[in-house]
Amino acid sequence: MSVLMWHNPRCSKSRQTLALLEEKGEKVRVRDYLSDAPNEAEIRSALLALGFDDPRKLMRTGEALYREMKLAEVINPDILVAAMAANPILIERPVVFAGSRAALGRPPEAVLDII
């Protein structure tokens, strides 16, 4: 199975998740989502694969930019998805995709359920 990971190499959880997948023998295609940001359609697809009905479940709500943009006040999910596409720092990491499923690597072991 092909495994894709939205990865931030500066994030310890992201590095731990990648190491865990490699330990399990998975060939992981890594996408540095900060420099190669997912577009709105990819974010919507990720939300679907994760089983998240609220885009905030994929957002780093503790991020300073989240507060600066006053996203806690936003009701429209399309605006939240657009904010993540325009500012990928708002996307929680890491996200691992395997087939039609996805999981957040928080904790890293959570991704083992989809491989």
PDB file of N, CA and C in Angstrom:
ATOM      1  N   MET A   1       0.846  -1.173   0.000  1.00  0.00           N
ATOM      2  CA  MET A   1       0.000   0.000   0.000  1.00  0.00           C
ATOM      3  C   MET A   1       0.892   1.237   0.000  1.00  0.00           C
ATOM      4  N   SER A   2       0.462   2.229  -0.727  1.00  0.00           N
ATOM      5  CA  SER A   2       1.201   3.483  -0.789  1.00  0.00           C
ATOM      6  C   SER A   2       0.862   4.344   0.430  1.00  0.00           C
ATOM      7  N   VAL A   3       1.887   4.862   1.069  1.00  0.00           N
ATOM      8  CA  VAL A   3       1.698   5.706   2.253  1.00  0.00           C
ATOM      9  C   VAL A   3       2.257   7.092   1.951  1.00  0.00           C
ATOM     10  N   LEU A   4       1.436   8.090   2.178  1.00  0.00           N
ATOM     11  CA  LEU A   4       1.823   9.495   2.009  1.00  0.00           C
ATOM     12  C   LEU A   4       1.733  10.162   3.368  1.00  0.00           C
ATOM     13  N   MET A   5       2.703  11.019   3.637  1.00  0.00           N
ATOM     14  CA  MET A   5       2.702  11.724   4.922  1.00  0.00           C
ATOM     15  C   MET A   5       2.901  13.209   4.690  1.00  0.00           C
ATOM     16  N   TRP A   6       1.971  14.014   5.239  1.00  0.00           N
ATOM     17  CA  TRP A   6       2.179  15.464   5.286  1.00  0.00           C
ATOM     18  C   TRP A   6       3.073  15.680   6.503  1.00  0.00           C
ATOM     19  N   HIS A   7       4.272  16.146   6.246  1.00  0.00           N
ATOM     20  CA  HIS A   7       5.347  16.130   7.235  1.00  0.00           C
ATOM     21  C   HIS A   7       5.927  17.524   7.445  1.00  0.00           C
ATOM     22  N   ASN A   8       6.276  17.798   8.687  1.00  0.00           N
ATOM     23  CA  ASN A   8       7.035  18.987   9.032  1.00  0.00           C
ATOM     24  C   ASN A   8       8.291  18.484   9.732  1.00  0.00           C
ATOM     25  N   PRO A   9       9.446  18.536   9.078  1.00  0.00           N
ATOM     26  CA  PRO A   9      10.655  17.962   9.666  1.00  0.00           C
ATOM     27  C   PRO A   9      11.084  18.633  10.969  1.00  0.00           C
ATOM     28  N   ARG A  10      10.567  19.811  11.270  1.00  0.00           N
ATOM     29  CA  ARG A  10      10.926  20.483  12.526  1.00  0.00           C
ATOM     30  C   ARG A  10      10.055  20.016  13.700  1.00  0.00           C
ATOM     31  N   CYS A  11       9.027  19.227  13.417  1.00  0.00           N
ATOM     32  CA  CYS A  11       8.088  18.779  14.448  1.00  0.00           C
ATOM     33  C   CYS A  11       8.500  17.413  14.980  1.00  0.00           C
ATOM     34  N   SER A  12       8.647  17.291  16.283  1.00  0.00           N
ATOM     35  CA  SER A  12       9.082  16.017  16.867  1.00  0.00           C
ATOM     36  C   SER A  12       8.062  14.907  16.630  1.00  0.00           C
ATOM     37  N   LYS A  13       6.776  15.189  16.733  1.00  0.00           N
ATOM     38  CA  LYS A  13       5.750  14.165  16.491  1.00  0.00           C
ATOM     39  C   LYS A  13       5.800  13.699  15.039  1.00  0.00           C
ATOM     40  N   SER A  14       6.045  14.618  14.143  1.00  0.00           N
ATOM     41  CA  SER A  14       6.135  14.278  12.732  1.00  0.00           C
ATOM     42  C   SER A  14       7.356  13.380  12.489  1.00  0.00           C
ATOM     43  N   ARG A  15       8.479  13.728  13.065  1.00  0.00           N
ATOM     44  CA  ARG A  15       9.688  12.904  12.918  1.00  0.00           C
ATOM     45  C   ARG A  15       9.487  11.526  13.546  1.00  0.00           C
ATOM     46  N   GLN A  16       8.852  11.473  14.716  1.00  0.00           N
ATOM     47  CA  GLN A  16       8.598  10.199  15.387  1.00  0.00           C
ATOM     48  C   GLN A  16       7.662   9.316  14.561  1.00  0.00           C
ATOM     49  N   THR A  17       6.658   9.927  13.964  1.00  0.00           N
ATOM     50  CA  THR A  17       5.711   9.169  13.143  1.00  0.00           C
ATOM     51  C   THR A  17       6.409   8.597  11.914  1.00  0.00           C
ATOM     52  N   LEU A  18       7.218   9.396  11.265  1.00  0.00           N
ATOM     53  CA  LEU A  18       7.954   8.923  10.101  1.00  0.00           C
ATOM     54  C   LEU A  18       8.874   7.766  10.486  1.00  0.00           C
ATOM     55  N   ALA A  19       9.589   7.896  11.584  1.00  0.00           N
ATOM     56  CA  ALA A  19      10.490   6.832  12.043  1.00  0.00           C
ATOM     57  C   ALA A  19       9.714   5.552  12.349  1.00  0.00           C
ATOM     58  N   LEU A  20       8.558   5.682  12.968  1.00  0.00           N
ATOM     59  CA  LEU A  20       7.737   4.519  13.298  1.00  0.00           C
ATOM     60  C   LEU A  20       7.281   3.793  12.031  1.00  0.00           C
ATOM     61  N   LEU A  21       6.826   4.552  11.052  1.00  0.00           N
ATOM     62  CA  LEU A  21       6.385   3.947   9.792  1.00  0.00           C
ATOM     63  C   LEU A  21       7.539   3.227   9.098  1.00  0.00           C
ATOM     64  N   GLU A  22       8.698   3.857   9.094  1.00  0.00           N
ATOM     65  CA  GLU A  22       9.864   3.234   8.461  1.00  0.00           C
ATOM     66  C   GLU A  22      10.290   1.986   9.222  1.00  0.00           C
ATOM     67  N   GLU A  23      10.195   2.010  10.554  1.00  0.00           N
ATOM     68  CA  GLU A  23      10.498   0.816  11.366  1.00  0.00           C
ATOM     69  C   GLU A  23       9.588  -0.345  10.999  1.00  0.00           C
ATOM     70  N   LYS A  24       8.351  -0.024  10.646  1.00  0.00           N
ATOM     71  CA  LYS A  24       7.364  -1.042  10.277  1.00  0.00           C
ATOM     72  C   LYS A  24       7.531  -1.486   8.833  1.00  0.00           C
ATOM     73  N   GLY A  25       8.546  -0.945   8.141  1.00  0.00           N
ATOM     74  CA  GLY A  25       8.829  -1.360   6.776  1.00  0.00           C
ATOM     75  C   GLY A  25       8.032  -0.640   5.710  1.00  0.00           C
ATOM     76  N   GLU A  26       7.341   0.425   6.086  1.00  0.00           N
ATOM     77  CA  GLU A  26       6.546   1.176   5.120  1.00  0.00           C
ATOM     78  C   GLU A  26       7.437   2.090   4.296  1.00  0.00           C
ATOM     79  N   LYS A  27       7.174   2.136   3.017  1.00  0.00           N
ATOM     80  CA  LYS A  27       7.826   3.110   2.141  1.00  0.00           C
ATOM     81  C   LYS A  27       6.933   4.335   2.141  1.00  0.00           C
ATOM     82  N   VAL A  28       7.420   5.392   2.713  1.00  0.00           N
ATOM     83  CA  VAL A  28       6.611   6.588   2.914  1.00  0.00           C
ATOM     84  C   VAL A  28       7.020   7.667   1.916  1.00  0.00           C
ATOM     85  N   ARG A  29       6.035   8.174   1.215  1.00  0.00           N
ATOM     86  CA  ARG A  29       6.258   9.340   0.357  1.00  0.00           C
ATOM     87  C   ARG A  29       5.991  10.561   1.237  1.00  0.00           C
ATOM     88  N   VAL A  30       7.017  11.363   1.432  1.00  0.00           N
ATOM     89  CA  VAL A  30       6.945  12.495   2.344  1.00  0.00           C
ATOM     90  C   VAL A  30       6.651  13.776   1.565  1.00  0.00           C
ATOM     91  N   ARG A  31       5.703  14.523   2.075  1.00  0.00           N
ATOM     92  CA  ARG A  31       5.376  15.829   1.502  1.00  0.00           C
ATOM     93  C   ARG A  31       5.546  16.871   2.594  1.00  0.00           C
ATOM     94  N   ASP A  32       6.502  17.757   2.400  1.00  0.00           N
ATOM     95  CA  ASP A  32       6.691  18.865   3.337  1.00  0.00           C
ATOM     96  C   ASP A  32       5.564  19.852   3.051  1.00  0.00           C
ATOM     97  N   TYR A  33       4.501  19.724   3.831  1.00  0.00           N
ATOM     98  CA  TYR A  33       3.284  20.471   3.530  1.00  0.00           C
ATOM     99  C   TYR A  33       3.440  21.989   3.736  1.00  0.00           C
ATOM    100  N   LEU A  34       4.479  22.424   4.426  1.00  0.00           N
ATOM    101  CA  LEU A  34       4.683  23.868   4.584  1.00  0.00           C
ATOM    102  C   LEU A  34       5.229  24.491   3.304  1.00  0.00           C
ATOM    103  N   SER A  35       6.081  23.765   2.590  1.00  0.00           N
ATOM    104  CA  SER A  35       6.637  24.298   1.348  1.00  0.00           C
ATOM    105  C   SER A  35       5.840  23.847   0.128  1.00  0.00           C
ATOM    106  N   ASP A  36       5.072  22.775   0.260  1.00  0.00           N
ATOM    107  CA  ASP A  36       4.228  22.246  -0.813  1.00  0.00           C
ATOM    108  C   ASP A  36       2.818  22.108  -0.238  1.00  0.00           C
ATOM    109  N   ALA A  37       2.181  23.248  -0.059  1.00  0.00           N
ATOM    110  CA  ALA A  37       0.901  23.302   0.650  1.00  0.00           C
ATOM    111  C   ALA A  37      -0.209  22.579  -0.107  1.00  0.00           C
ATOM    112  N   PRO A  38      -1.019  21.810   0.617  1.00  0.00           N
ATOM    113  CA  PRO A  38      -2.183  21.201  -0.019  1.00  0.00           C
ATOM    114  C   PRO A  38      -3.206  22.276  -0.396  1.00  0.00           C
ATOM    115  N   ASN A  39      -3.891  22.037  -1.503  1.00  0.00           N
ATOM    116  CA  ASN A  39      -4.921  22.994  -1.915  1.00  0.00           C
ATOM    117  C   ASN A  39      -6.231  22.656  -1.197  1.00  0.00           C
ATOM    118  N   GLU A  40      -7.252  23.449  -1.447  1.00  0.00           N
ATOM    119  CA  GLU A  40      -8.526  23.270  -0.746  1.00  0.00           C
ATOM    120  C   GLU A  40      -9.119  21.889  -1.007  1.00  0.00           C
ATOM    121  N   ALA A  41      -9.042  21.410  -2.245  1.00  0.00           N
ATOM    122  CA  ALA A  41      -9.595  20.093  -2.566  1.00  0.00           C
ATOM    123  C   ALA A  41      -8.851  18.993  -1.806  1.00  0.00           C
ATOM    124  N   GLU A  42      -7.548  19.107  -1.695  1.00  0.00           N
ATOM    125  CA  GLU A  42      -6.768  18.112  -0.955  1.00  0.00           C
ATOM    126  C   GLU A  42      -7.103  18.144   0.532  1.00  0.00           C
ATOM    127  N   ILE A  43      -7.335  19.327   1.066  1.00  0.00           N
ATOM    128  CA  ILE A  43      -7.699  19.442   2.486  1.00  0.00           C
ATOM    129  C   ILE A  43      -9.072  18.833   2.719  1.00  0.00           C
ATOM    130  N   ARG A  44     -10.017  19.091   1.815  1.00  0.00           N
ATOM    131  CA  ARG A  44     -11.349  18.488   1.942  1.00  0.00           C
ATOM    132  C   ARG A  44     -11.253  16.961   1.868  1.00  0.00           C
ATOM    133  N   SER A  45     -10.429  16.466   0.976  1.00  0.00           N
ATOM    134  CA  SER A  45     -10.226  15.021   0.848  1.00  0.00           C
ATOM    135  C   SER A  45      -9.613  14.453   2.125  1.00  0.00           C
ATOM    136  N   ALA A  46      -8.662  15.171   2.705  1.00  0.00           N
ATOM    137  CA  ALA A  46      -8.050  14.739   3.964  1.00  0.00           C
ATOM    138  C   ALA A  46      -9.091  14.689   5.078  1.00  0.00           C
ATOM    139  N   LEU A  47      -9.934  15.702   5.157  1.00  0.00           N
ATOM    140  CA  LEU A  47     -10.985  15.729   6.181  1.00  0.00           C
ATOM    141  C   LEU A  47     -11.898  14.516   6.049  1.00  0.00           C
ATOM    142  N   LEU A  48     -12.259  14.195   4.805  1.00  0.00           N
ATOM    143  CA  LEU A  48     -13.117  13.039   4.542  1.00  0.00           C
ATOM    144  C   LEU A  48     -12.414  11.744   4.965  1.00  0.00           C
ATOM    145  N   ALA A  49     -11.154  11.585   4.566  1.00  0.00           N
ATOM    146  CA  ALA A  49     -10.392  10.378   4.903  1.00  0.00           C
ATOM    147  C   ALA A  49     -10.189  10.237   6.412  1.00  0.00           C
ATOM    148  N   LEU A  50     -10.055  11.361   7.093  1.00  0.00           N
ATOM    149  CA  LEU A  50      -9.890  11.351   8.545  1.00  0.00           C
ATOM    150  C   LEU A  50     -11.213  11.120   9.281  1.00  0.00           C
ATOM    151  N   GLY A  51     -12.321  11.338   8.567  1.00  0.00           N
ATOM    152  CA  GLY A  51     -13.631  11.222   9.196  1.00  0.00           C
ATOM    153  C   GLY A  51     -13.997  12.441  10.017  1.00  0.00           C
ATOM    154  N   PHE A  52     -13.396  13.577   9.685  1.00  0.00           N
ATOM    155  CA  PHE A  52     -13.648  14.818  10.422  1.00  0.00           C
ATOM    156  C   PHE A  52     -14.745  15.620   9.718  1.00  0.00           C
ATOM    157  N   ASP A  53     -15.791  15.957  10.459  1.00  0.00           N
ATOM    158  CA  ASP A  53     -16.842  16.798   9.888  1.00  0.00           C
ATOM    159  C   ASP A  53     -16.580  18.283  10.145  1.00  0.00           C
ATOM    160  N   ASP A  54     -15.710  18.572  11.065  1.00  0.00           N
ATOM    161  CA  ASP A  54     -15.363  19.953  11.406  1.00  0.00           C
ATOM    162  C   ASP A  54     -13.904  20.206  11.028  1.00  0.00           C
ATOM    163  N   PRO A  55     -13.648  21.162  10.118  1.00  0.00           N
ATOM    164  CA  PRO A  55     -12.261  21.445   9.718  1.00  0.00           C
ATOM    165  C   PRO A  55     -11.343  21.789  10.892  1.00  0.00           C
ATOM    166  N   ARG A  56     -11.900  22.286  11.985  1.00  0.00           N
ATOM    167  CA  ARG A  56     -11.067  22.643  13.136  1.00  0.00           C
ATOM    168  C   ARG A  56     -10.336  21.434  13.713  1.00  0.00           C
ATOM    169  N   LYS A  57     -10.870  20.230  13.487  1.00  0.00           N
ATOM    170  CA  LYS A  57     -10.206  19.022  13.989  1.00  0.00           C
ATOM    171  C   LYS A  57      -8.869  18.793  13.297  1.00  0.00           C
ATOM    172  N   LEU A  58      -8.659  19.460  12.151  1.00  0.00           N
ATOM    173  CA  LEU A  58      -7.398  19.365  11.411  1.00  0.00           C
ATOM    174  C   LEU A  58      -6.562  20.629  11.584  1.00  0.00           C
ATOM    175  N   MET A  59      -7.010  21.527  12.441  1.00  0.00           N
ATOM    176  CA  MET A  59      -6.323  22.818  12.597  1.00  0.00           C
ATOM    177  C   MET A  59      -5.543  22.891  13.897  1.00  0.00           C
ATOM    178  N   ARG A  60      -4.466  23.639  13.833  1.00  0.00           N
ATOM    179  CA  ARG A  60      -3.666  23.943  15.013  1.00  0.00           C
ATOM    180  C   ARG A  60      -4.276  25.188  15.659  1.00  0.00           C
ATOM    181  N   THR A  61      -5.269  24.964  16.496  1.00  0.00           N
ATOM    182  CA  THR A  61      -6.015  26.080  17.090  1.00  0.00           C
ATOM    183  C   THR A  61      -5.192  26.857  18.112  1.00  0.00           C
ATOM    184  N   GLY A  62      -4.076  26.314  18.542  1.00  0.00           N
ATOM    185  CA  GLY A  62      -3.194  27.027  19.463  1.00  0.00           C
ATOM    186  C   GLY A  62      -2.182  27.904  18.750  1.00  0.00           C
ATOM    187  N   GLU A  63      -2.156  27.830  17.439  1.00  0.00           N
ATOM    188  CA  GLU A  63      -1.212  28.614  16.630  1.00  0.00           C
ATOM    189  C   GLU A  63      -1.565  30.100  16.722  1.00  0.00           C
ATOM    190  N   ALA A  64      -0.559  30.937  16.848  1.00  0.00           N
ATOM    191  CA  ALA A  64      -0.783  32.385  16.958  1.00  0.00           C
ATOM    192  C   ALA A  64      -1.583  32.918  15.771  1.00  0.00           C
ATOM    193  N   LEU A  65      -1.306  32.429  14.583  1.00  0.00           N
ATOM    194  CA  LEU A  65      -2.019  32.890  13.395  1.00  0.00           C
ATOM    195  C   LEU A  65      -3.504  32.582  13.479  1.00  0.00           C
ATOM    196  N   TYR A  66      -3.869  31.477  14.084  1.00  0.00           N
ATOM    197  CA  TYR A  66      -5.276  31.115  14.281  1.00  0.00           C
ATOM    198  C   TYR A  66      -5.981  32.219  15.080  1.00  0.00           C
ATOM    199  N   ARG A  67      -5.316  32.670  16.126  1.00  0.00           N
ATOM    200  CA  ARG A  67      -5.896  33.752  16.947  1.00  0.00           C
ATOM    201  C   ARG A  67      -5.906  35.072  16.194  1.00  0.00           C
ATOM    202  N   GLU A  68      -4.785  35.370  15.513  1.00  0.00           N
ATOM    203  CA  GLU A  68      -4.689  36.634  14.770  1.00  0.00           C
ATOM    204  C   GLU A  68      -5.762  36.738  13.693  1.00  0.00           C
ATOM    205  N   MET A  69      -6.075  35.619  13.054  1.00  0.00           N
ATOM    206  CA  MET A  69      -7.087  35.611  11.997  1.00  0.00           C
ATOM    207  C   MET A  69      -8.508  35.507  12.556  1.00  0.00           C
ATOM    208  N   LYS A  70      -8.618  35.398  13.888  1.00  0.00           N
ATOM    209  CA  LYS A  70      -9.907  35.280  14.570  1.00  0.00           C
ATOM    210  C   LYS A  70     -10.739  34.112  14.026  1.00  0.00           C
ATOM    211  N   LEU A  71     -10.065  32.991  13.769  1.00  0.00           N
ATOM    212  CA  LEU A  71     -10.730  31.837  13.182  1.00  0.00           C
ATOM    213  C   LEU A  71     -11.670  31.134  14.154  1.00  0.00           C
ATOM    214  N   ALA A  72     -11.499  31.352  15.443  1.00  0.00           N
ATOM    215  CA  ALA A  72     -12.422  30.772  16.417  1.00  0.00           C
ATOM    216  C   ALA A  72     -13.836  31.318  16.221  1.00  0.00           C
ATOM    217  N   GLU A  73     -13.938  32.511  15.635  1.00  0.00           N
ATOM    218  CA  GLU A  73     -15.238  33.146  15.413  1.00  0.00           C
ATOM    219  C   GLU A  73     -15.887  32.719  14.099  1.00  0.00           C
ATOM    220  N   VAL A  74     -15.142  32.024  13.259  1.00  0.00           N
ATOM    221  CA  VAL A  74     -15.628  31.657  11.930  1.00  0.00           C
ATOM    222  C   VAL A  74     -16.562  30.450  12.017  1.00  0.00           C
ATOM    223  N   ILE A  75     -17.718  30.564  11.380  1.00  0.00           N
ATOM    224  CA  ILE A  75     -18.696  29.478  11.365  1.00  0.00           C
ATOM    225  C   ILE A  75     -18.616  28.688  10.060  1.00  0.00           C
ATOM    226  N   ASN A  76     -18.334  29.351   8.970  1.00  0.00           N
ATOM    227  CA  ASN A  76     -18.334  28.741   7.645  1.00  0.00           C
ATOM    228  C   ASN A  76     -17.120  27.815   7.467  1.00  0.00           C
ATOM    229  N   PRO A  77     -17.339  26.500   7.278  1.00  0.00           N
ATOM    230  CA  PRO A  77     -16.214  25.580   7.123  1.00  0.00           C
ATOM    231  C   PRO A  77     -15.376  25.868   5.875  1.00  0.00           C
ATOM    232  N   ASP A  78     -15.979  26.435   4.848  1.00  0.00           N
ATOM    233  CA  ASP A  78     -15.229  26.758   3.632  1.00  0.00           C
ATOM    234  C   ASP A  78     -14.149  27.801   3.913  1.00  0.00           C
ATOM    235  N   ILE A  79     -14.433  28.722   4.802  1.00  0.00           N
ATOM    236  CA  ILE A  79     -13.456  29.751   5.163  1.00  0.00           C
ATOM    237  C   ILE A  79     -12.292  29.110   5.932  1.00  0.00           C
ATOM    238  N   LEU A  80     -12.597  28.152   6.784  1.00  0.00           N
ATOM    239  CA  LEU A  80     -11.550  27.461   7.542  1.00  0.00           C
ATOM    240  C   LEU A  80     -10.648  26.654   6.608  1.00  0.00           C
ATOM    241  N   VAL A  81     -11.245  25.964   5.644  1.00  0.00           N
ATOM    242  CA  VAL A  81     -10.458  25.192   4.676  1.00  0.00           C
ATOM    243  C   VAL A  81      -9.589  26.134   3.856  1.00  0.00           C
ATOM    244  N   ALA A  82     -10.148  27.247   3.413  1.00  0.00           N
ATOM    245  CA  ALA A  82      -9.383  28.228   2.633  1.00  0.00           C
ATOM    246  C   ALA A  82      -8.229  28.787   3.461  1.00  0.00           C
ATOM    247  N   ALA A  83      -8.463  29.000   4.748  1.00  0.00           N
ATOM    248  CA  ALA A  83      -7.404  29.515   5.626  1.00  0.00           C
ATOM    249  C   ALA A  83      -6.251  28.519   5.724  1.00  0.00           C
ATOM    250  N   MET A  84      -6.571  27.232   5.819  1.00  0.00           N
ATOM    251  CA  MET A  84      -5.511  26.217   5.881  1.00  0.00           C
ATOM    252  C   MET A  84      -4.737  26.142   4.566  1.00  0.00           C
ATOM    253  N   ALA A  85      -5.447  26.246   3.448  1.00  0.00           N
ATOM    254  CA  ALA A  85      -4.770  26.188   2.143  1.00  0.00           C
ATOM    255  C   ALA A  85      -3.840  27.385   1.959  1.00  0.00           C
ATOM    256  N   ALA A  86      -4.276  28.539   2.410  1.00  0.00           N
ATOM    257  CA  ALA A  86      -3.467  29.759   2.268  1.00  0.00           C
ATOM    258  C   ALA A  86      -2.359  29.844   3.308  1.00  0.00           C
ATOM    259  N   ASN A  87      -2.550  29.188   4.445  1.00  0.00           N
ATOM    260  CA  ASN A  87      -1.604  29.255   5.568  1.00  0.00           C
ATOM    261  C   ASN A  87      -1.400  27.850   6.130  1.00  0.00           C
ATOM    262  N   PRO A  88      -0.603  27.027   5.472  1.00  0.00           N
ATOM    263  CA  PRO A  88      -0.488  25.625   5.892  1.00  0.00           C
ATOM    264  C   PRO A  88       0.045  25.426   7.308  1.00  0.00           C
ATOM    265  N   ILE A  89       0.622  26.448   7.908  1.00  0.00           N
ATOM    266  CA  ILE A  89       1.061  26.337   9.304  1.00  0.00           C
ATOM    267  C   ILE A  89      -0.139  26.024  10.215  1.00  0.00           C
ATOM    268  N   LEU A  90      -1.344  26.307   9.734  1.00  0.00           N
ATOM    269  CA  LEU A  90      -2.560  26.053  10.507  1.00  0.00           C
ATOM    270  C   LEU A  90      -2.967  24.575  10.499  1.00  0.00           C
ATOM    271  N   ILE A  91      -2.364  23.773   9.621  1.00  0.00           N
ATOM    272  CA  ILE A  91      -2.729  22.362   9.514  1.00  0.00           C
ATOM    273  C   ILE A  91      -1.994  21.560  10.584  1.00  0.00           C
ATOM    274  N   GLU A  92      -2.761  20.757  11.311  1.00  0.00           N
ATOM    275  CA  GLU A  92      -2.166  19.861  12.315  1.00  0.00           C
ATOM    276  C   GLU A  92      -1.294  18.836  11.607  1.00  0.00           C
ATOM    277  N   ARG A  93      -0.239  18.425  12.271  1.00  0.00           N
ATOM    278  CA  ARG A  93       0.665  17.454  11.671  1.00  0.00           C
ATOM    279  C   ARG A  93       1.074  16.424  12.709  1.00  0.00           C
ATOM    280  N   PRO A  94       1.532  15.322  12.169  1.00  0.00           N
ATOM    281  CA  PRO A  94       1.551  14.885  10.783  1.00  0.00           C
ATOM    282  C   PRO A  94       0.236  14.227  10.400  1.00  0.00           C
ATOM    283  N   VAL A  95      -0.060  14.215   9.114  1.00  0.00           N
ATOM    284  CA  VAL A  95      -1.214  13.493   8.583  1.00  0.00           C
ATOM    285  C   VAL A  95      -0.657  12.390   7.696  1.00  0.00           C
ATOM    286  N   VAL A  96      -1.109  11.173   7.939  1.00  0.00           N
ATOM    287  CA  VAL A  96      -0.658  10.017   7.165  1.00  0.00           C
ATOM    288  C   VAL A  96      -1.851   9.455   6.402  1.00  0.00           C
ATOM    289  N   PHE A  97      -1.628   9.188   5.116  1.00  0.00           N
ATOM    290  CA  PHE A  97      -2.657   8.654   4.233  1.00  0.00           C
ATOM    291  C   PHE A  97      -2.226   7.277   3.753  1.00  0.00           C
ATOM    292  N   ALA A  98      -3.139   6.326   3.819  1.00  0.00           N
ATOM    293  CA  ALA A  98      -2.899   4.974   3.307  1.00  0.00           C
ATOM    294  C   ALA A  98      -4.199   4.513   2.657  1.00  0.00           C
ATOM    295  N   GLY A  99      -4.178   4.368   1.346  1.00  0.00           N
ATOM    296  CA  GLY A  99      -5.404   4.027   0.637  1.00  0.00           C
ATOM    297  C   GLY A  99      -6.415   5.146   0.797  1.00  0.00           C
ATOM    298  N   SER A 100      -7.624   4.786   1.193  1.00  0.00           N
ATOM    299  CA  SER A 100      -8.675   5.796   1.360  1.00  0.00           C
ATOM    300  C   SER A 100      -8.784   6.292   2.796  1.00  0.00           C
ATOM    301  N   ARG A 101      -7.861   5.867   3.638  1.00  0.00           N
ATOM    302  CA  ARG A 101      -7.904   6.234   5.057  1.00  0.00           C
ATOM    303  C   ARG A 101      -6.779   7.197   5.402  1.00  0.00           C
ATOM    304  N   ALA A 102      -6.962   7.886   6.504  1.00  0.00           N
ATOM    305  CA  ALA A 102      -5.947   8.819   6.995  1.00  0.00           C
ATOM    306  C   ALA A 102      -5.987   8.818   8.515  1.00  0.00           C
ATOM    307  N   ALA A 103      -4.884   9.258   9.099  1.00  0.00           N
ATOM    308  CA  ALA A 103      -4.801   9.378  10.557  1.00  0.00           C
ATOM    309  C   ALA A 103      -3.820  10.481  10.907  1.00  0.00           C
ATOM    310  N   LEU A 104      -4.087  11.144  12.010  1.00  0.00           N
ATOM    311  CA  LEU A 104      -3.140  12.109  12.572  1.00  0.00           C
ATOM    312  C   LEU A 104      -2.151  11.344  13.435  1.00  0.00           C
ATOM    313  N   GLY A 105      -0.898  11.693  13.333  1.00  0.00           N
ATOM    314  CA  GLY A 105       0.138  11.045  14.124  1.00  0.00           C
ATOM    315  C   GLY A 105       0.274  11.656  15.497  1.00  0.00           C
ATOM    316  N   ARG A 106      -0.802  11.783  16.198  1.00  0.00           N
ATOM    317  CA  ARG A 106      -0.822  12.332  17.550  1.00  0.00           C
ATOM    318  C   ARG A 106      -1.666  11.422  18.430  1.00  0.00           C
ATOM    319  N   PRO A 107      -1.069  10.473  19.070  1.00  0.00           N
ATOM    320  CA  PRO A 107       0.353  10.133  19.124  1.00  0.00           C
ATOM    321  C   PRO A 107       0.776   9.396  17.850  1.00  0.00           C
ATOM    322  N   PRO A 108       2.071   9.250  17.624  1.00  0.00           N
ATOM    323  CA  PRO A 108       2.541   8.597  16.416  1.00  0.00           C
ATOM    324  C   PRO A 108       1.922   7.213  16.174  1.00  0.00           C
ATOM    325  N   GLU A 109       1.687   6.462  17.226  1.00  0.00           N
ATOM    326  CA  GLU A 109       1.136   5.112  17.102  1.00  0.00           C
ATOM    327  C   GLU A 109      -0.267   5.095  16.512  1.00  0.00           C
ATOM    328  N   ALA A 110      -0.948   6.224  16.498  1.00  0.00           N
ATOM    329  CA  ALA A 110      -2.310   6.293  15.954  1.00  0.00           C
ATOM    330  C   ALA A 110      -2.331   5.958  14.469  1.00  0.00           C
ATOM    331  N   VAL A 111      -1.239   6.146  13.774  1.00  0.00           N
ATOM    332  CA  VAL A 111      -1.220   5.861  12.329  1.00  0.00           C
ATOM    333  C   VAL A 111      -1.143   4.363  12.040  1.00  0.00           C
ATOM    334  N   LEU A 112      -0.785   3.566  13.014  1.00  0.00           N
ATOM    335  CA  LEU A 112      -0.644   2.135  12.781  1.00  0.00           C
ATOM    336  C   LEU A 112      -1.989   1.488  12.443  1.00  0.00           C
ATOM    337  N   ASP A 113      -3.088   2.087  12.861  1.00  0.00           N
ATOM    338  CA  ASP A 113      -4.415   1.550  12.584  1.00  0.00           C
ATOM    339  C   ASP A 113      -4.772   1.564  11.095  1.00  0.00           C
ATOM    340  N   ILE A 114      -4.091   2.399  10.301  1.00  0.00           N
ATOM    341  CA  ILE A 114      -4.482   2.510   8.890  1.00  0.00           C
ATOM    342  C   ILE A 114      -3.511   1.819   7.933  1.00  0.00           C
ATOM    343  N   ILE A 115      -2.408   1.279   8.473  1.00  0.00           N
ATOM    344  CA  ILE A 115      -1.461   0.604   7.571  1.00  0.00           C
ATOM    345  C   ILE A 115      -1.583  -0.910   7.673  1.00  0.00           C
TER     346      ILE A 115
END
